[in-house]
Amino acid sequence: QVQLVESGGGLVQPGGSLRLSCAVSGSGSSIYLMGWYRQALGKQRELVARMTSGGSTSYADSVTGRFTISRDNAKNTVSLQMNSLKPEDTAVYYCNVRPRILSNQEYWGQGTQVTVSS
């Protein structure tokens, strides 16, 4: 059973920083794709950032230059460093993994709330 446990959300003022972390268990080694999505109230879930096991990354245009994704392949963890946060970054952030490149099977975390407000 693949499980994802997220941590690190909370309330931060505009311009501040937060770091989200996600620990994955039950997936075996060498997870192909690990990433973060977010869903703001009344909006569709959107990709924030993702990273392959080989180190290739992709970011949403809205977070490029402010957010950085990283992963520890040995520990099956993925993190999202969020700097220069804006009120429009407020959302529930979800960890997502796709363990195998030849399978579309993916798994989601329970979500962690990030609120950017003064």
N, C-alpha and C. Protein backbone atom coordinates (compact mmCIF):
# COMPACT_ATOMS: atom_id res chain seq x y z
N GLN A 1 0.85 -1.19 0.00
CA GLN A 1 0.00 0.00 0.00
C GLN A 1 0.89 1.24 0.00
N VAL A 2 0.73 2.05 -1.04
CA VAL A 2 1.51 3.28 -1.13
C VAL A 2 0.85 4.34 -0.26
N GLN A 3 1.65 4.98 0.57
CA GLN A 3 1.15 6.05 1.43
C GLN A 3 2.03 7.27 1.29
N LEU A 4 1.38 8.43 1.27
CA LEU A 4 2.08 9.70 1.19
C LEU A 4 1.67 10.54 2.40
N VAL A 5 2.64 11.04 3.10
CA VAL A 5 2.37 11.86 4.28
C VAL A 5 3.04 13.21 4.09
N GLU A 6 2.19 14.24 4.05
CA GLU A 6 2.69 15.60 3.83
C GLU A 6 2.83 16.34 5.15
N SER A 7 3.70 17.33 5.14
CA SER A 7 3.85 18.20 6.30
C SER A 7 4.36 19.56 5.84
N GLY A 8 4.18 20.56 6.70
CA GLY A 8 4.80 21.86 6.45
C GLY A 8 3.87 22.98 6.04
N GLY A 9 2.58 22.73 5.90
CA GLY A 9 1.69 23.82 5.55
C GLY A 9 1.46 24.75 6.72
N GLY A 10 0.72 25.82 6.45
CA GLY A 10 0.41 26.76 7.52
C GLY A 10 0.06 28.13 7.00
N LEU A 11 0.07 29.08 7.92
CA LEU A 11 -0.25 30.47 7.61
C LEU A 11 1.03 31.29 7.54
N VAL A 12 1.18 32.07 6.49
CA VAL A 12 2.37 32.90 6.33
C VAL A 12 1.96 34.23 5.72
N GLN A 13 2.70 35.26 6.03
CA GLN A 13 2.43 36.58 5.47
C GLN A 13 2.96 36.68 4.04
N PRO A 14 2.37 37.54 3.24
CA PRO A 14 2.90 37.75 1.88
C PRO A 14 4.39 38.08 1.92
N GLY A 15 5.11 37.48 1.00
CA GLY A 15 6.55 37.66 0.97
C GLY A 15 7.31 36.64 1.79
N GLY A 16 6.61 35.87 2.57
CA GLY A 16 7.25 34.89 3.43
C GLY A 16 7.55 33.58 2.72
N SER A 17 8.05 32.62 3.49
CA SER A 17 8.46 31.33 2.94
C SER A 17 7.87 30.18 3.74
N LEU A 18 7.67 29.08 3.05
CA LEU A 18 7.26 27.83 3.67
C LEU A 18 7.94 26.69 2.93
N ARG A 19 8.11 25.59 3.64
CA ARG A 19 8.67 24.39 3.01
C ARG A 19 7.72 23.23 3.27
N LEU A 20 7.28 22.61 2.20
CA LEU A 20 6.44 21.43 2.29
C LEU A 20 7.29 20.18 2.07
N SER A 21 6.95 19.13 2.79
CA SER A 21 7.64 17.86 2.62
C SER A 21 6.64 16.74 2.49
N CYS A 22 7.04 15.70 1.78
CA CYS A 22 6.18 14.53 1.57
C CYS A 22 7.03 13.29 1.66
N ALA A 23 6.64 12.38 2.52
CA ALA A 23 7.33 11.11 2.67
C ALA A 23 6.47 10.01 2.09
N VAL A 24 7.08 9.20 1.23
CA VAL A 24 6.36 8.14 0.52
C VAL A 24 6.81 6.78 1.04
N SER A 25 5.87 5.92 1.34
CA SER A 25 6.19 4.56 1.76
C SER A 25 5.38 3.56 0.95
N GLY A 26 5.92 2.35 0.85
CA GLY A 26 5.19 1.28 0.18
C GLY A 26 5.31 1.25 -1.33
N SER A 27 6.16 2.11 -1.90
CA SER A 27 6.24 2.19 -3.36
C SER A 27 7.47 1.51 -3.92
N GLY A 28 8.35 1.04 -3.04
CA GLY A 28 9.60 0.51 -3.53
C GLY A 28 10.58 1.64 -3.83
N SER A 29 11.65 1.31 -4.50
CA SER A 29 12.68 2.31 -4.77
C SER A 29 12.49 2.93 -6.14
N SER A 30 13.23 3.97 -6.42
CA SER A 30 13.28 4.63 -7.73
C SER A 30 11.91 5.06 -8.23
N ILE A 31 11.26 5.90 -7.47
CA ILE A 31 9.98 6.46 -7.91
C ILE A 31 10.23 7.35 -9.12
N TYR A 32 9.49 7.11 -10.20
CA TYR A 32 9.73 7.85 -11.44
C TYR A 32 9.44 9.35 -11.30
N LEU A 33 8.26 9.67 -10.86
CA LEU A 33 7.84 11.08 -10.86
C LEU A 33 7.26 11.45 -9.51
N MET A 34 7.74 12.56 -8.97
CA MET A 34 7.23 13.07 -7.70
C MET A 34 6.92 14.54 -7.90
N GLY A 35 5.82 14.99 -7.35
CA GLY A 35 5.47 16.38 -7.58
C GLY A 35 4.45 16.92 -6.60
N TRP A 36 4.11 18.16 -6.84
CA TRP A 36 3.15 18.88 -6.01
C TRP A 36 2.10 19.52 -6.91
N TYR A 37 0.86 19.40 -6.49
CA TYR A 37 -0.28 20.07 -7.11
C TYR A 37 -0.94 20.93 -6.05
N ARG A 38 -1.78 21.83 -6.50
CA ARG A 38 -2.54 22.63 -5.54
C ARG A 38 -3.94 22.89 -6.07
N GLN A 39 -4.83 23.13 -5.13
CA GLN A 39 -6.21 23.42 -5.48
C GLN A 39 -6.72 24.53 -4.59
N ALA A 40 -6.98 25.67 -5.21
CA ALA A 40 -7.55 26.80 -4.49
C ALA A 40 -9.07 26.64 -4.45
N LEU A 41 -9.67 27.31 -3.51
CA LEU A 41 -11.12 27.22 -3.35
C LEU A 41 -11.84 27.63 -4.63
N GLY A 42 -12.70 26.75 -5.12
CA GLY A 42 -13.46 27.05 -6.33
C GLY A 42 -12.72 26.88 -7.63
N LYS A 43 -11.50 26.38 -7.56
CA LYS A 43 -10.70 26.21 -8.78
C LYS A 43 -10.30 24.76 -8.97
N GLN A 44 -9.83 24.45 -10.17
CA GLN A 44 -9.37 23.10 -10.46
C GLN A 44 -7.98 22.88 -9.88
N ARG A 45 -7.69 21.63 -9.62
CA ARG A 45 -6.35 21.27 -9.16
C ARG A 45 -5.36 21.52 -10.30
N GLU A 46 -4.20 22.08 -9.95
CA GLU A 46 -3.20 22.40 -10.96
C GLU A 46 -1.82 21.94 -10.54
N LEU A 47 -1.01 21.65 -11.52
CA LEU A 47 0.37 21.26 -11.25
C LEU A 47 1.15 22.47 -10.77
N VAL A 48 1.93 22.27 -9.72
CA VAL A 48 2.83 23.31 -9.22
C VAL A 48 4.25 23.01 -9.68
N ALA A 49 4.72 21.82 -9.40
CA ALA A 49 6.08 21.43 -9.78
C ALA A 49 6.19 19.92 -9.72
N ARG A 50 7.08 19.37 -10.55
CA ARG A 50 7.32 17.94 -10.50
C ARG A 50 8.74 17.66 -10.93
N MET A 51 9.21 16.49 -10.53
CA MET A 51 10.61 16.15 -10.75
C MET A 51 10.73 14.67 -11.02
N THR A 52 11.47 14.30 -12.05
CA THR A 52 11.68 12.89 -12.36
C THR A 52 12.81 12.34 -11.50
N SER A 53 12.94 11.03 -11.51
CA SER A 53 14.02 10.39 -10.78
C SER A 53 15.37 10.78 -11.34
N GLY A 54 15.40 11.22 -12.59
CA GLY A 54 16.65 11.65 -13.20
C GLY A 54 16.99 13.10 -12.95
N GLY A 55 16.08 13.82 -12.31
CA GLY A 55 16.37 15.20 -11.95
C GLY A 55 15.72 16.26 -12.83
N SER A 56 14.99 15.85 -13.85
CA SER A 56 14.31 16.84 -14.69
C SER A 56 13.13 17.43 -13.94
N THR A 57 12.98 18.75 -14.08
CA THR A 57 11.93 19.45 -13.35
C THR A 57 11.03 20.24 -14.30
N SER A 58 9.82 20.47 -13.84
CA SER A 58 8.93 21.39 -14.54
C SER A 58 8.12 22.14 -13.50
N TYR A 59 7.83 23.39 -13.79
CA TYR A 59 7.13 24.28 -12.87
C TYR A 59 5.98 24.99 -13.58
N ALA A 60 4.97 25.30 -12.81
CA ALA A 60 3.94 26.20 -13.33
C ALA A 60 4.56 27.58 -13.52
N ASP A 61 4.11 28.28 -14.55
CA ASP A 61 4.67 29.61 -14.82
C ASP A 61 4.51 30.54 -13.62
N SER A 62 3.42 30.37 -12.90
CA SER A 62 3.12 31.28 -11.79
C SER A 62 4.08 31.13 -10.61
N VAL A 63 4.81 30.03 -10.55
CA VAL A 63 5.71 29.82 -9.39
C VAL A 63 7.18 29.79 -9.80
N THR A 64 7.46 29.82 -11.08
CA THR A 64 8.85 29.77 -11.55
C THR A 64 9.65 30.94 -10.96
N GLY A 65 10.79 30.58 -10.41
CA GLY A 65 11.65 31.58 -9.80
C GLY A 65 11.37 31.81 -8.32
N ARG A 66 10.26 31.29 -7.84
CA ARG A 66 9.91 31.46 -6.42
C ARG A 66 9.89 30.12 -5.68
N PHE A 67 9.48 29.07 -6.36
CA PHE A 67 9.38 27.75 -5.74
C PHE A 67 10.49 26.85 -6.28
N THR A 68 10.96 25.95 -5.42
CA THR A 68 11.97 24.98 -5.83
C THR A 68 11.58 23.60 -5.32
N ILE A 69 11.54 22.65 -6.23
CA ILE A 69 11.25 21.27 -5.85
C ILE A 69 12.55 20.51 -5.71
N SER A 70 12.59 19.61 -4.74
CA SER A 70 13.75 18.75 -4.56
C SER A 70 13.27 17.39 -4.07
N ARG A 71 14.12 16.41 -4.22
CA ARG A 71 13.75 15.06 -3.77
C ARG A 71 14.98 14.32 -3.29
N ASP A 72 14.73 13.38 -2.41
CA ASP A 72 15.78 12.50 -1.91
C ASP A 72 15.38 11.10 -2.32
N ASN A 73 16.03 10.59 -3.34
CA ASN A 73 15.64 9.28 -3.88
C ASN A 73 15.90 8.14 -2.90
N ALA A 74 16.89 8.30 -2.07
CA ALA A 74 17.20 7.24 -1.10
C ALA A 74 16.13 7.15 -0.02
N LYS A 75 15.54 8.30 0.31
CA LYS A 75 14.54 8.32 1.38
C LYS A 75 13.11 8.38 0.86
N ASN A 76 12.95 8.47 -0.47
CA ASN A 76 11.61 8.60 -1.07
C ASN A 76 10.85 9.78 -0.49
N THR A 77 11.52 10.92 -0.48
CA THR A 77 10.87 12.14 -0.03
C THR A 77 10.96 13.20 -1.12
N VAL A 78 9.99 14.09 -1.12
CA VAL A 78 10.00 15.22 -2.04
C VAL A 78 9.60 16.45 -1.24
N SER A 79 10.26 17.56 -1.56
CA SER A 79 10.01 18.81 -0.84
C SER A 79 9.73 19.93 -1.82
N LEU A 80 9.07 20.94 -1.31
CA LEU A 80 8.78 22.12 -2.11
C LEU A 80 9.12 23.35 -1.26
N GLN A 81 10.16 24.04 -1.63
CA GLN A 81 10.53 25.29 -0.97
C GLN A 81 9.80 26.43 -1.65
N MET A 82 9.00 27.14 -0.90
CA MET A 82 8.19 28.21 -1.46
C MET A 82 8.63 29.55 -0.87
N ASN A 83 9.14 30.41 -1.71
CA ASN A 83 9.60 31.73 -1.29
C ASN A 83 8.75 32.82 -1.93
N SER A 84 8.85 34.00 -1.40
CA SER A 84 8.12 35.16 -1.94
C SER A 84 6.65 34.82 -2.16
N LEU A 85 6.04 34.25 -1.15
CA LEU A 85 4.67 33.79 -1.28
C LEU A 85 3.70 34.94 -1.47
N LYS A 86 2.67 34.68 -2.26
CA LYS A 86 1.66 35.68 -2.57
C LYS A 86 0.29 35.16 -2.11
N PRO A 87 -0.65 36.04 -1.89
CA PRO A 87 -2.00 35.58 -1.51
C PRO A 87 -2.59 34.60 -2.50
N GLU A 88 -2.26 34.74 -3.76
CA GLU A 88 -2.80 33.82 -4.77
C GLU A 88 -2.18 32.42 -4.71
N ASP A 89 -1.18 32.24 -3.88
CA ASP A 89 -0.63 30.91 -3.64
C ASP A 89 -1.45 30.12 -2.61
N THR A 90 -2.40 30.78 -2.00
CA THR A 90 -3.25 30.12 -1.01
C THR A 90 -4.02 28.98 -1.65
N ALA A 91 -3.88 27.79 -1.09
CA ALA A 91 -4.50 26.60 -1.65
C ALA A 91 -4.20 25.41 -0.75
N VAL A 92 -4.87 24.31 -1.06
CA VAL A 92 -4.47 23.03 -0.48
C VAL A 92 -3.44 22.42 -1.43
N TYR A 93 -2.31 22.06 -0.89
CA TYR A 93 -1.23 21.50 -1.68
C TYR A 93 -1.19 19.98 -1.49
N TYR A 94 -1.10 19.28 -2.62
CA TYR A 94 -1.12 17.82 -2.61
C TYR A 94 0.18 17.26 -3.17
N CYS A 95 0.71 16.30 -2.49
CA CYS A 95 1.85 15.54 -2.99
C CYS A 95 1.32 14.47 -3.95
N ASN A 96 2.06 14.24 -5.01
CA ASN A 96 1.65 13.26 -6.02
C ASN A 96 2.85 12.46 -6.47
N VAL A 97 2.69 11.15 -6.61
CA VAL A 97 3.77 10.33 -7.15
C VAL A 97 3.23 9.39 -8.21
N ARG A 98 4.07 9.14 -9.18
CA ARG A 98 3.82 8.12 -10.21
C ARG A 98 5.03 7.22 -10.16
N PRO A 99 4.90 6.07 -9.50
CA PRO A 99 6.09 5.27 -9.24
C PRO A 99 6.80 4.71 -10.47
N ARG A 100 6.04 4.34 -11.52
CA ARG A 100 6.67 3.66 -12.64
C ARG A 100 6.41 4.39 -13.95
N ILE A 101 7.45 4.52 -14.76
CA ILE A 101 7.34 5.26 -16.02
C ILE A 101 6.40 4.56 -16.99
N LEU A 102 6.29 3.25 -16.94
CA LEU A 102 5.45 2.51 -17.88
C LEU A 102 4.02 2.32 -17.39
N SER A 103 3.69 2.92 -16.27
CA SER A 103 2.34 2.82 -15.73
C SER A 103 1.82 4.20 -15.38
N ASN A 104 0.55 4.44 -15.64
CA ASN A 104 -0.07 5.72 -15.28
C ASN A 104 -0.59 5.74 -13.84
N GLN A 105 -0.40 4.66 -13.11
CA GLN A 105 -0.86 4.62 -11.73
C GLN A 105 -0.19 5.72 -10.93
N GLU A 106 -1.00 6.48 -10.22
CA GLU A 106 -0.44 7.55 -9.40
C GLU A 106 -1.15 7.57 -8.06
N TYR A 107 -0.50 8.23 -7.11
CA TYR A 107 -1.00 8.27 -5.75
C TYR A 107 -0.95 9.70 -5.24
N TRP A 108 -1.87 9.99 -4.31
CA TRP A 108 -1.99 11.34 -3.79
C TRP A 108 -1.89 11.36 -2.27
N GLY A 109 -1.34 12.44 -1.76
CA GLY A 109 -1.38 12.68 -0.34
C GLY A 109 -2.71 13.27 0.07
N GLN A 110 -2.86 13.50 1.37
CA GLN A 110 -4.14 13.98 1.88
C GLN A 110 -4.31 15.49 1.72
N GLY A 111 -3.23 16.18 1.41
CA GLY A 111 -3.29 17.62 1.23
C GLY A 111 -2.91 18.38 2.48
N THR A 112 -2.27 19.51 2.29
CA THR A 112 -1.90 20.38 3.40
C THR A 112 -2.24 21.82 3.01
N GLN A 113 -2.86 22.53 3.93
CA GLN A 113 -3.32 23.89 3.64
C GLN A 113 -2.18 24.89 3.74
N VAL A 114 -2.07 25.72 2.72
CA VAL A 114 -1.15 26.86 2.75
C VAL A 114 -2.00 28.12 2.59
N THR A 115 -1.87 29.01 3.55
CA THR A 115 -2.62 30.26 3.52
C THR A 115 -1.64 31.42 3.58
N VAL A 116 -1.72 32.30 2.60
CA VAL A 116 -0.85 33.47 2.54
C VAL A 116 -1.73 34.70 2.76
N SER A 117 -1.56 35.31 3.91
CA SER A 117 -2.43 36.42 4.28
C SER A 117 -1.75 37.28 5.34
N SER A 118 -2.04 38.58 5.28
CA SER A 118 -1.52 39.48 6.31
C SER A 118 -2.53 39.64 7.43
